Protein backbone atom coordinates (compact mmCIF):
# COMPACT_ATOMS: atom_id res chain seq x y z
CA MET A 1 68.53 108.64 80.25
CA LYS A 2 67.10 112.09 80.29
CA ARG A 3 65.36 111.45 83.61
CA LYS A 4 68.49 109.96 85.07
CA ILE A 5 70.67 112.99 84.12
CA PHE A 6 68.03 115.31 85.42
CA LEU A 7 67.84 113.56 88.73
CA ASN A 8 71.58 113.43 89.11
CA MET A 9 71.95 117.17 88.38
CA SER A 10 69.06 117.91 90.80
CA TYR A 11 70.96 115.83 93.57
CA ILE A 12 74.18 117.73 92.81
CA ALA A 13 72.34 121.03 92.98
CA LEU A 14 70.73 120.12 96.27
CA ILE A 15 73.93 118.97 97.77
CA THR A 16 75.76 122.07 96.54
CA VAL A 17 73.12 124.32 98.12
CA VAL A 18 73.22 122.43 101.44
CA CYS A 19 77.01 122.47 101.57
CA THR A 20 77.26 126.17 100.64
CA THR A 21 74.68 127.01 103.35
CA VAL A 22 76.58 125.03 105.91
CA PHE A 23 79.93 126.55 104.89
CA LEU A 24 78.52 130.13 104.95
CA SER A 25 77.02 129.46 108.40
CA ALA A 26 80.23 128.11 109.70
CA VAL A 27 82.17 131.17 108.32
CA ALA A 28 79.65 133.65 109.77
CA TYR A 29 79.75 131.94 113.17
CA GLY A 30 83.51 131.95 113.06
CA ARG A 31 83.56 135.66 112.41
CA TYR A 32 81.02 136.29 115.18
CA MET A 33 82.98 134.40 117.73
CA SER A 34 86.19 136.12 116.64
CA GLN A 35 84.56 139.51 117.30
CA VAL A 36 83.18 138.40 120.69
CA LYS A 37 86.47 137.11 121.91
CA GLU A 38 88.39 140.13 120.61
CA GLY A 39 85.99 142.42 122.48
CA ILE A 40 86.22 140.41 125.78
CA GLN A 41 89.98 140.25 125.51
CA ASN A 42 90.30 143.92 124.95
CA GLU A 43 88.01 144.77 127.95
CA ALA A 44 89.95 142.35 130.20
CA GLY A 45 93.24 143.81 129.21
CA TYR A 46 91.95 147.39 129.89
CA MET A 47 90.60 146.39 133.29
CA ALA A 48 93.72 144.52 134.33
CA GLU A 49 96.00 147.43 133.45
CA SER A 50 93.68 149.78 135.47
CA LEU A 51 93.61 147.43 138.46
CA ASN A 52 97.37 146.90 138.46
CA GLN A 53 97.88 150.73 138.65
CA HIS A 54 95.17 151.23 141.26
CA GLU A 55 95.11 148.31 143.63
CA ASN A 56 92.15 149.45 145.74
CA GLN A 57 89.98 150.35 142.86
CA SER A 58 86.51 148.90 143.02
CA LEU A 59 85.25 146.61 140.30
CA ASP A 60 81.66 147.88 140.54
CA ALA A 61 82.62 150.86 138.52
CA TYR A 62 83.13 148.58 135.47
CA LYS A 63 79.92 146.66 136.05
CA ASP A 64 77.71 149.30 134.53
CA ILE A 65 79.85 149.89 131.36
CA THR A 66 80.11 146.35 130.15
CA ILE A 67 77.74 143.40 129.32
CA SER A 68 80.43 141.00 130.30
CA ARG A 69 80.30 139.25 133.74
CA ILE A 70 83.33 140.30 135.88
CA THR A 71 84.87 137.83 138.41
CA LEU A 72 87.95 138.37 140.53
CA ILE A 73 89.55 135.14 141.82
CA ALA A 74 92.24 134.85 144.47
CA ALA A 75 95.46 133.08 143.79
CA ASP A 76 94.13 129.98 145.66
CA GLY A 77 90.96 129.91 143.50
CA LYS A 78 88.56 131.47 145.93
CA VAL A 79 86.10 133.94 144.32
CA LEU A 80 86.74 137.38 145.73
CA TYR A 81 84.20 139.30 143.58
CA ASP A 82 81.54 138.62 141.03
CA SER A 83 79.48 141.14 139.28
CA THR A 84 76.27 139.11 139.90
CA GLY A 85 76.86 139.51 143.64
CA LYS A 86 76.89 135.72 144.21
CA GLU A 87 80.69 135.41 145.01
CA LYS A 88 79.93 133.96 148.56
CA SER A 89 77.95 131.03 147.11
CA MET A 90 80.35 130.27 144.32
CA SER A 91 82.65 127.39 144.68
CA ASN A 92 86.49 127.45 144.38
CA HIS A 93 87.69 128.03 140.75
CA ARG A 94 91.20 126.72 141.07
CA ASN A 95 90.40 123.80 138.70
CA ARG A 96 88.83 126.00 136.03
CA LYS A 97 90.70 125.75 132.78
CA GLU A 98 90.87 129.49 132.17
CA PHE A 99 92.12 130.02 135.71
CA LYS A 100 94.81 127.53 135.48
CA GLU A 101 96.07 128.82 132.17
CA ALA A 102 96.11 132.44 133.40
CA ALA A 103 97.86 131.47 136.59
CA LYS A 104 100.48 129.75 134.65
CA ASN A 105 100.74 131.69 131.38
CA GLY A 106 99.35 135.10 132.35
CA ALA A 107 96.09 134.68 130.32
CA GLY A 108 93.64 131.74 129.54
CA GLU A 109 90.40 131.09 127.85
CA SER A 110 87.69 128.44 127.63
CA THR A 111 84.23 127.90 126.30
CA ARG A 112 81.60 125.98 127.97
CA ILE A 113 78.38 124.85 126.21
CA SER A 114 75.15 124.36 128.12
CA LYS A 115 73.42 121.01 128.27
CA THR A 116 70.59 122.26 125.98
CA LEU A 117 73.23 123.17 123.23
CA LYS A 118 71.34 126.44 122.80
CA LYS A 119 73.78 128.57 124.90
CA GLN A 120 77.55 128.74 125.44
CA THR A 121 79.68 130.86 127.68
CA TYR A 122 83.08 132.33 126.72
CA TYR A 123 85.64 132.81 129.62
CA TYR A 124 88.76 134.89 129.39
CA ALA A 125 91.00 135.28 132.43
CA VAL A 126 94.12 137.71 132.98
CA LYS A 127 96.50 137.34 135.91
CA LEU A 128 97.02 140.51 137.90
CA SER A 129 100.26 141.81 139.41
CA ASP A 130 99.20 140.75 142.90
CA GLY A 131 98.74 137.05 141.84
CA SER A 132 94.91 137.25 141.64
CA VAL A 133 93.11 136.48 138.41
CA LEU A 134 90.58 138.75 136.60
CA ARG A 135 87.99 136.81 134.52
CA LEU A 136 85.47 138.15 132.10
CA SER A 137 82.75 135.98 130.60
CA ARG A 138 79.83 136.41 128.31
CA GLU A 139 77.00 134.17 126.99
CA THR A 140 77.13 133.76 123.16
CA GLN A 141 75.02 131.94 120.64
CA THR A 142 76.03 128.41 119.61
CA ILE A 143 76.18 127.69 115.89
CA PHE A 144 72.96 125.78 116.18
CA ASN A 145 71.31 128.74 117.89
CA GLN A 146 72.51 131.03 115.13
CA VAL A 147 71.41 128.76 112.35
CA GLU A 148 68.04 128.41 114.05
CA GLY A 149 67.74 132.11 114.04
CA VAL A 150 68.34 132.50 110.39
CA LEU A 151 66.66 129.14 109.42
CA PRO A 152 63.60 130.68 107.72
CA VAL A 153 65.86 132.88 105.66
CA LEU A 154 68.09 129.97 104.75
CA ILE A 155 65.28 127.73 103.85
CA LEU A 156 63.88 130.41 101.60
CA MET A 157 67.22 130.96 99.98
CA MET A 158 67.70 127.20 99.64
CA ALA A 159 64.32 126.79 98.07
CA VAL A 160 64.97 129.64 95.60
CA VAL A 161 68.40 128.31 94.76
CA PHE A 162 67.07 124.74 94.42
CA VAL A 163 64.24 125.90 92.12
CA LEU A 164 66.80 127.78 89.95
CA ALA A 165 69.07 124.71 90.08
CA LEU A 166 66.24 122.43 88.94
CA ALA A 167 65.34 124.83 86.12
CA LEU A 168 68.92 125.06 85.13
CA SER A 169 69.42 121.28 85.34
CA ARG A 170 66.29 120.74 83.21
CA LEU A 171 67.60 123.19 80.59
CA LEU A 172 71.07 121.69 80.65
CA THR A 173 69.66 118.14 80.56
CA GLY A 174 67.62 119.02 77.44
CA ARG A 175 70.68 120.53 75.72
CA ILE A 176 72.79 117.55 76.57
CA ILE A 177 70.14 115.11 75.49
CA GLU A 178 69.09 116.89 72.32
CA PRO A 179 72.14 115.96 70.26
CA ILE A 180 71.94 112.33 71.48
CA ASN A 181 68.19 112.28 70.54
CA ARG A 182 69.08 113.56 66.99
CA ILE A 183 71.36 110.65 66.35
CA ASN A 184 70.30 108.64 63.34
CA LEU A 185 70.81 105.15 64.63
CA GLU A 186 70.51 103.77 61.02
CA HIS A 187 73.69 105.80 60.09
CA PRO A 188 75.46 106.74 63.41
CA GLU A 189 78.81 107.13 61.64
CA ASP A 190 77.60 110.31 60.00
CA GLU A 191 76.72 112.09 63.35
CA ASN A 192 78.76 114.85 64.79
CA THR A 193 78.00 114.65 68.51
CA TYR A 194 80.10 114.51 71.59
CA ASP A 195 83.54 113.00 71.24
CA GLU A 196 82.89 110.80 74.10
CA LEU A 197 80.21 109.07 72.18
CA SER A 198 82.32 108.31 69.15
CA PRO A 199 83.32 104.79 70.33
CA LEU A 200 79.78 104.04 71.08
CA LEU A 201 78.57 105.26 67.68
CA VAL A 202 81.16 103.20 66.02
CA ARG A 203 80.12 100.16 67.90
CA ILE A 204 76.42 100.84 67.12
CA HIS A 205 77.36 101.18 63.31
CA ARG A 206 79.18 97.90 63.44
CA GLN A 207 76.32 96.21 65.23
CA ASN A 208 73.88 97.66 62.70
CA GLU A 209 75.90 96.27 59.85
CA ALA A 210 76.06 92.80 61.56
CA ILE A 211 72.32 92.96 62.32
CA LYS A 212 71.55 93.90 58.64
CA GLU A 213 73.70 90.97 57.52
CA LYS A 214 71.98 88.62 59.86
CA ILE A 215 68.53 89.87 58.77
CA ARG A 216 69.59 89.47 55.04
CA GLU A 217 70.72 85.94 55.69
CA ILE A 218 67.56 85.14 57.59
CA LYS A 219 65.40 86.67 54.86
CA GLU A 220 67.26 84.62 52.27
CA LYS A 221 66.75 81.35 54.20
CA GLN A 222 63.15 82.28 54.75
CA ILE A 223 62.60 82.98 51.09
CA GLU A 224 64.45 79.72 50.10
CA PHE A 225 62.43 77.83 52.69
CA THR A 226 59.04 79.38 51.50
CA THR A 227 59.92 78.77 47.89
CA ILE A 228 60.85 75.11 48.54
CA THR A 229 57.74 74.40 50.79
CA GLU A 230 55.28 76.37 48.55
CA ASN A 231 56.45 74.43 45.51
CA MET A 232 56.07 71.05 47.23
CA SER A 233 53.15 68.90 46.44
CA GLU A 234 53.57 67.38 49.79
CA GLY A 235 51.69 68.90 52.65
CA PHE A 236 54.04 70.24 55.39
CA LEU A 237 53.34 71.21 59.02
CA ILE A 238 55.63 72.40 61.75
CA LEU A 239 54.24 72.13 65.45
CA ASN A 240 55.47 73.28 68.79
CA ASP A 241 55.52 71.10 71.80
CA LYS A 242 51.91 72.10 72.50
CA SER A 243 50.69 70.66 69.13
CA VAL A 244 50.06 74.30 67.80
CA VAL A 245 50.75 74.85 64.10
CA LEU A 246 53.79 77.23 63.65
CA SER A 247 54.23 76.95 59.93
CA TYR A 248 52.60 75.26 56.99
CA ASN A 249 52.48 75.37 53.14
CA THR A 250 49.74 75.66 50.58
CA SER A 251 49.72 71.95 49.86
CA ALA A 252 48.83 71.23 53.54
CA LEU A 253 45.81 73.58 53.28
CA ARG A 254 44.72 71.88 50.11
CA ILE A 255 45.14 68.39 51.38
CA LEU A 256 43.31 69.13 54.72
CA ASP A 257 40.78 71.36 52.96
CA ILE A 258 41.10 74.24 55.33
CA ARG A 259 41.68 78.00 55.15
CA GLU A 260 44.77 79.79 56.51
CA ASP A 261 42.84 81.15 59.60
CA GLN A 262 41.79 77.64 60.37
CA CYS A 263 45.47 76.37 60.53
CA SER A 264 47.74 79.23 61.71
CA ASN A 265 48.33 79.03 65.45
CA GLN A 266 45.65 76.41 65.86
CA ASN A 267 45.98 73.08 67.66
CA VAL A 268 46.64 70.58 64.91
CA LEU A 269 44.20 68.09 66.38
CA SER A 270 41.38 70.50 65.94
CA ILE A 271 42.16 70.53 62.19
CA ASN A 272 42.05 66.78 61.71
CA ARG A 273 40.75 64.48 64.38
CA SER A 274 41.48 61.16 62.62
CA HIS A 275 43.10 58.31 64.71
CA GLU A 276 46.08 58.13 62.39
CA PHE A 277 46.74 61.94 62.77
CA ARG A 278 46.53 61.79 66.49
CA ARG A 279 48.80 58.80 66.75
CA ALA A 280 51.37 60.58 64.49
CA VAL A 281 51.43 63.83 66.46
CA GLU A 282 51.63 61.95 69.81
CA ALA A 283 54.37 59.73 68.66
CA ALA A 284 56.51 62.69 67.28
CA LEU A 285 55.93 64.73 70.51
CA ASN A 286 57.09 61.71 72.51
CA GLY A 287 60.36 61.66 70.43
CA GLU A 288 59.46 58.83 68.15
CA ALA A 289 59.15 58.71 64.25
CA PHE A 290 55.81 57.78 62.73
CA GLU A 291 54.96 56.60 59.21
CA GLU A 292 51.57 55.26 58.03
CA VAL A 293 49.24 55.50 55.06
CA MET A 294 45.99 57.27 55.88
CA GLU A 295 42.88 57.81 53.69
CA PHE A 296 41.43 61.32 53.51
CA ARG A 297 38.84 62.67 51.10
CA GLU A 298 39.01 59.56 48.88
CA ARG A 299 42.82 59.93 48.62
CA LYS A 300 45.70 58.04 50.15
CA TYR A 301 48.42 59.87 51.91
CA LEU A 302 51.72 58.71 53.53
CA LEU A 303 51.73 60.48 56.90
CA MET A 304 55.12 60.89 58.32
CA ALA A 305 55.88 62.60 61.62
CA ASN A 306 59.29 63.27 63.15
CA PRO A 307 60.28 65.03 66.45
CA VAL A 308 62.25 68.22 66.52
CA THR A 309 64.76 68.15 69.39
CA VAL A 310 67.04 70.86 70.93
CA SER A 311 69.74 69.67 73.24
CA GLY A 312 68.02 66.33 73.54
CA ALA A 313 64.52 67.76 74.55
CA VAL A 314 61.60 67.59 72.19
CA LYS A 315 60.50 71.05 71.18
CA GLY A 316 58.02 70.24 68.40
CA ALA A 317 57.29 68.04 65.45
CA VAL A 318 57.31 68.12 61.59
CA LEU A 319 54.48 66.45 59.66
CA MET A 320 54.64 65.50 56.10
CA MET A 321 51.60 64.33 53.97
CA ILE A 322 52.62 62.64 50.70
CA ASP A 323 49.98 61.88 48.20
CA VAL A 324 50.53 58.14 47.37
CA THR A 325 47.17 57.52 45.65
CA GLU A 326 48.68 57.13 42.24
CA LYS A 327 51.50 55.04 43.74
CA GLU A 328 49.10 52.80 45.47
CA GLU A 329 46.98 52.51 42.30
CA ARG A 330 50.03 51.73 40.25
CA GLU A 331 51.14 49.17 42.72
CA GLU A 332 47.60 47.59 42.45
CA LEU A 333 47.80 47.82 38.68
CA ARG A 334 51.25 46.30 38.63
CA LYS A 335 50.05 43.41 40.67
CA GLU A 336 47.04 42.92 38.46
CA PHE A 337 49.34 43.39 35.32
CA SER A 338 51.70 40.74 36.58
CA ALA A 339 48.81 38.36 37.10
CA ASN A 340 47.29 39.22 33.71
CA VAL A 341 50.61 38.88 31.87
CA SER A 342 51.10 35.44 33.50
CA HIS A 343 47.64 34.45 32.42
CA GLU A 344 47.72 35.93 28.90
CA LEU A 345 51.17 34.46 28.22
CA LYS A 346 50.29 31.18 29.62
CA THR A 347 47.32 30.64 27.31
CA PRO A 348 49.16 30.86 23.90
CA LEU A 349 52.17 29.11 25.35
CA THR A 350 49.92 26.14 26.58
CA THR A 351 48.20 26.03 23.14
CA ILE A 352 51.57 26.01 21.43
CA SER A 353 53.07 23.49 23.83
CA GLY A 354 50.07 21.15 23.46
CA TYR A 355 49.98 21.12 19.65
CA ALA A 356 53.70 20.87 19.47
CA GLU A 357 53.70 17.81 21.93
CA LEU A 358 50.97 16.04 19.92
CA MET A 359 53.01 16.65 16.75
CA LYS A 360 56.29 15.40 18.45
CA ASP A 361 54.60 12.26 19.70
CA GLY A 362 53.27 11.50 16.19
CA LEU A 363 49.64 11.61 17.39
CA VAL A 364 48.57 14.04 14.57
CA LYS A 365 47.18 12.76 11.31
CA GLN A 366 49.12 13.93 8.20
CA GLU A 367 46.15 15.82 6.94
CA ASP A 368 45.90 17.65 10.33
CA VAL A 369 49.54 18.81 10.39
CA GLY A 370 48.96 21.88 8.39
CA ARG A 371 46.00 23.01 10.62
CA PHE A 372 48.05 22.34 13.77
CA SER A 373 51.05 24.32 12.30
CA GLU A 374 48.77 27.21 11.34
CA LYS A 375 47.34 27.22 15.02
CA ILE A 376 50.87 27.17 16.48
CA TYR A 377 51.93 30.00 14.02
CA THR A 378 48.91 32.09 15.01
CA GLU A 379 49.43 31.70 18.74
CA ALA A 380 53.09 32.42 18.31
CA ARG A 381 52.20 35.56 16.34
CA ARG A 382 49.70 36.56 19.09
CA LEU A 383 52.40 35.97 21.77
CA ILE A 384 54.89 38.10 19.87
CA SER A 385 52.28 40.81 19.47
CA MET A 386 51.54 40.68 23.04
CA ILE A 387 55.15 40.98 24.04
CA GLU A 388 55.61 43.90 21.61
CA GLY A 389 52.61 45.65 23.16
CA ILE A 390 53.98 45.13 26.64
CA ILE A 391 57.32 46.55 25.63
CA LYS A 392 55.57 49.59 23.96
CA LEU A 393 53.59 50.27 27.15
CA SER A 394 56.65 49.99 29.31
CA ARG A 395 58.43 52.53 27.15
CA LEU A 396 55.45 54.87 27.32
CA ASP A 397 55.16 54.33 31.06
CA GLU A 398 58.85 55.23 31.60
CA ASN A 399 58.89 57.91 28.91
CA GLN A 400 61.63 56.07 27.04
CA ILE A 401 60.73 57.15 23.50
CA ILE A 402 63.85 57.70 21.44
CA GLN A 403 62.23 58.89 18.13
CA GLU A 404 62.00 62.63 17.75
CA LYS A 405 58.68 64.44 17.22
CA GLU A 406 57.72 65.67 13.78
CA GLU A 407 54.72 67.14 11.95
CA VAL A 408 52.30 64.27 11.29
CA ASP A 409 49.13 64.67 9.27
CA LEU A 410 46.35 62.70 11.03
CA TYR A 411 44.13 62.80 7.94
CA GLN A 412 46.83 61.15 5.86
CA LEU A 413 47.61 58.70 8.60
CA ALA A 414 43.93 57.63 8.75
CA LEU A 415 43.98 57.01 5.04
CA GLU A 416 47.07 54.72 5.43
CA ILE A 417 45.51 52.76 8.22
CA LYS A 418 42.30 52.39 6.16
CA ASN A 419 44.30 50.81 3.37
CA SER A 420 46.04 48.40 5.89
CA LEU A 421 42.78 47.32 7.33
CA SER A 422 40.88 47.09 4.04
CA MET A 423 41.32 43.35 3.65
CA LYS A 424 40.20 42.63 7.13
CA ALA A 425 37.34 45.09 6.89
CA ALA A 426 36.26 43.54 3.55
CA GLU A 427 36.18 40.01 5.19
CA GLU A 428 33.93 41.32 7.87
CA GLY A 429 31.77 43.36 5.52
CA ILE A 430 32.75 46.61 7.33
CA ASP A 431 32.72 49.89 5.36
CA ILE A 432 35.48 52.32 6.50
CA GLN A 433 35.16 55.93 5.61
CA VAL A 434 37.85 58.64 6.37
CA LEU A 435 36.31 62.16 6.56
CA GLY A 436 37.80 65.58 7.33
CA SER A 437 40.78 67.44 5.99
CA PRO A 438 44.55 67.73 6.43
CA CYS A 439 45.22 68.11 10.18
CA LYS A 440 48.77 68.16 11.57
CA VAL A 441 50.11 67.61 14.96
CA SER A 442 53.66 67.48 16.45
CA GLY A 443 54.29 63.99 17.75
CA VAL A 444 56.11 60.64 17.19
CA ARG A 445 54.68 59.18 14.02
CA GLN A 446 54.95 55.46 15.17
CA ILE A 447 53.10 56.11 18.34
CA LEU A 448 50.36 58.13 16.59
CA TYR A 449 50.06 55.31 13.90
CA GLU A 450 49.67 52.63 16.58
CA MET A 451 47.02 54.73 18.55
CA LEU A 452 44.92 55.42 15.45
CA TYR A 453 45.45 51.82 14.05
CA ASN A 454 44.17 50.28 17.44
CA LEU A 455 41.09 52.53 17.48
CA MET A 456 40.23 51.70 13.86
CA GLU A 457 40.99 47.99 14.19
CA ASN A 458 38.74 47.78 17.30
CA ALA A 459 36.03 49.63 15.55
CA VAL A 460 36.29 46.92 12.81
CA LYS A 461 36.72 44.04 15.19
CA TYR A 462 33.87 44.91 17.65
CA ASN A 463 31.34 45.58 14.84
CA ASP A 464 28.54 43.73 13.17
CA ARG A 465 28.81 42.33 9.71
CA GLY A 466 27.73 45.01 7.30
CA GLY A 467 28.53 47.70 9.79
CA HIS A 468 30.26 51.05 9.22
CA VAL A 469 33.34 52.89 10.68
CA PHE A 470 33.69 56.71 10.37
CA VAL A 471 37.03 58.22 10.91
CA THR A 472 37.09 62.09 11.08
CA ALA A 473 40.40 64.00 11.31
CA ALA A 474 40.08 67.79 11.43
CA VAL A 475 40.88 70.95 13.41
CA MET A 476 38.00 71.53 15.81
CA GLU A 477 37.84 74.73 17.89
CA GLY A 478 41.46 75.43 17.24
CA ARG A 479 42.67 71.93 18.32
CA ALA A 480 43.56 68.95 16.15
CA ALA A 481 41.36 66.01 16.74
CA VAL A 482 40.62 62.52 15.37
CA ILE A 483 37.25 60.80 15.95
CA VAL A 484 36.64 57.00 15.39
CA GLU A 485 32.95 56.12 15.33
CA ASP A 486 31.28 52.73 14.64
CA ASP A 487 27.79 51.32 14.75
CA GLY A 488 28.81 48.10 16.34
CA ILE A 489 28.07 46.22 19.54
CA GLY A 490 28.90 49.23 21.88
CA ILE A 491 30.36 49.08 25.49
CA PRO A 492 28.22 48.17 28.50
CA PRO A 493 28.15 51.02 30.97
CA GLU A 494 29.67 48.96 33.74
CA ASP A 495 32.75 48.27 31.45
CA ALA A 496 33.18 51.93 30.21
CA ASP A 497 35.66 52.83 32.89
CA ARG A 498 37.80 49.77 32.23
CA ILE A 499 38.25 49.63 28.57
CA PHE A 500 41.77 51.40 28.74
CA GLU A 501 42.99 48.86 31.23
CA ARG A 502 45.75 46.46 30.12
CA PHE A 503 44.52 43.03 28.93
CA TYR A 504 40.84 44.25 29.16
CA ARG A 505 38.58 42.84 26.40
CA GLY A 506 35.15 43.84 25.66
CA ASP A 507 32.30 41.41 24.63
CA LYS A 508 33.60 38.58 26.75
CA SER A 509 30.96 36.30 25.37
CA HIS A 510 32.84 36.44 22.02
CA SER A 511 36.38 37.33 23.10
CA SER A 512 37.75 33.96 22.09
CA GLU A 513 36.45 34.57 18.59
CA ARG A 514 38.19 37.99 18.30
CA GLU A 515 41.93 38.11 18.08
CA GLY A 516 43.79 40.63 20.22
CA THR A 517 46.00 41.06 23.17
CA GLY A 518 43.81 43.39 25.17
CA LEU A 519 46.57 46.08 25.08
CA GLY A 520 45.36 48.15 22.17
CA LEU A 521 43.33 50.77 24.01
CA SER A 522 45.92 50.81 26.92
CA ILE A 523 48.51 51.85 24.16
CA VAL A 524 45.95 54.50 23.00
CA LYS A 525 45.66 55.86 26.52
CA HIS A 526 49.40 56.07 27.15
CA GLY A 527 50.04 57.45 23.79
CA ALA A 528 47.50 60.27 24.26
CA LYS A 529 49.15 60.97 27.64
CA TYR A 530 52.61 61.19 26.01
CA HIS A 531 51.24 63.70 23.44
CA GLY A 532 49.34 65.65 26.00
CA ALA A 533 45.91 64.69 24.41
CA LYS A 534 42.73 63.90 26.11
CA ILE A 535 40.24 61.02 25.18
CA GLU A 536 36.52 61.26 25.13
CA VAL A 537 34.30 58.11 24.93
CA GLU A 538 30.61 57.79 24.11
CA SER A 539 28.97 54.44 23.71
CA GLU A 540 25.65 52.70 23.77
CA VAL A 541 25.18 48.98 23.72
CA GLY A 542 23.87 47.81 20.33
CA ARG A 543 24.29 51.23 18.68
CA GLY A 544 28.02 51.69 18.57
CA THR A 545 30.95 53.61 20.09
CA LYS A 546 32.52 56.98 19.52
CA ILE A 547 36.02 57.66 20.65
CA ALA A 548 37.69 61.12 20.26
CA VAL A 549 41.28 61.97 20.72
CA ILE A 550 41.79 65.73 21.00
CA PHE A 551 45.32 67.18 20.83
């Protein structure tokens, strides 16, 4: 803007100087010509008056006292006298403008310019009393010739004036621009500048407010978007139509096991070159939705890709990576659980049905009825116990526990369970000892009871006759814990990771001899998870097992 104002003012100054020079030259030339004409006309009038009074007077007397050319022309246009002495060679002048005007009006004038434009001649004619015409002429400068004569001075003057005009325009430009440069565009409404700028400043202020509001909205949406994506466990990537990563979240970096500099503005196919990833990106950029489970770093992810379209054209893609490892595992467990439930329920039902059918058909001796009834009762109790266990696990899985938590003393709980198992332990010759001190945790008493009961019952059940069970409840390193240890048969290393599975039973060679549903340790695991506890297992075949639940 400053440059534009300066140039415009410079052009105005230049045009002003040129126009002024031309005007002054025209005025000076006009005054010059007026003086020349006035002088010639005065001379012609003086000579004409003298010739009218003295008819035989010679014109040579005037030749030496004037610089004008004197010509006497007869009434028919013939040149009678010329001060140059060339009257005999001169043509008839009856068609000359000044002659015709003088013959008609008593006086006439004309100006004729030479072909070179550097000279011109002024003619003035006066009619004498005898009908002849006296004409005086003089060569004068043309305006071009006059300007050419003073051109160096004019150029110098124009240069000086132009330089002064430039300096003045620069100064004025600075003064004009300075208030504008001082305008605070953040708060233009507070500025006191030119009145002409007031509408512009008001408009800038309104636009500033609108821009601030838009920026605030964008920031809010950005914060909201970032908050949502950063708190997502799912990986999230936004790509442009060149497969370059425009946006991502922390979960995506974690899942892909990369750093920020390896992701931002990088081609997504350089981050992960798997076949599924490439297919997902290509499908989305071709305008198609994609969904498939892929394995990455021993985890399973549901990879979803969708195109981003603007006015029907694909401008990018959105990729989501959802960890479905647990879901897939749960699905496998569900299938396995369904199969196990069918098998485990079928066994006692088959036994009950078989014995009942024999009794119904009268194929059982009277003395065997009691034994058959006891077997049916035992299998029925086992079936009920199994169903109750399944219900408990389902409630724990779905977190549908309606009892409120309370302070429960694990030490006292262990003593209660010892009393409950005393008869069974005595039958097996197992010694149960409860050690430690009062140790309280906040939990659901019924669940804690079932957890500890299953641990202690298993320690008795999977022990050798004459074995020992040690139950310790105490606060260890600031955390409540209960430890159940036996010196029984132990757990084979290959089965150590499976003992908490539903319907799993250790010591398969004697599993038919030991009552149980195979759900006890699974209930322990889910109960510990519900109470936020962790389980530690140590076991050695033939030497016993130690299971600790740390709250």
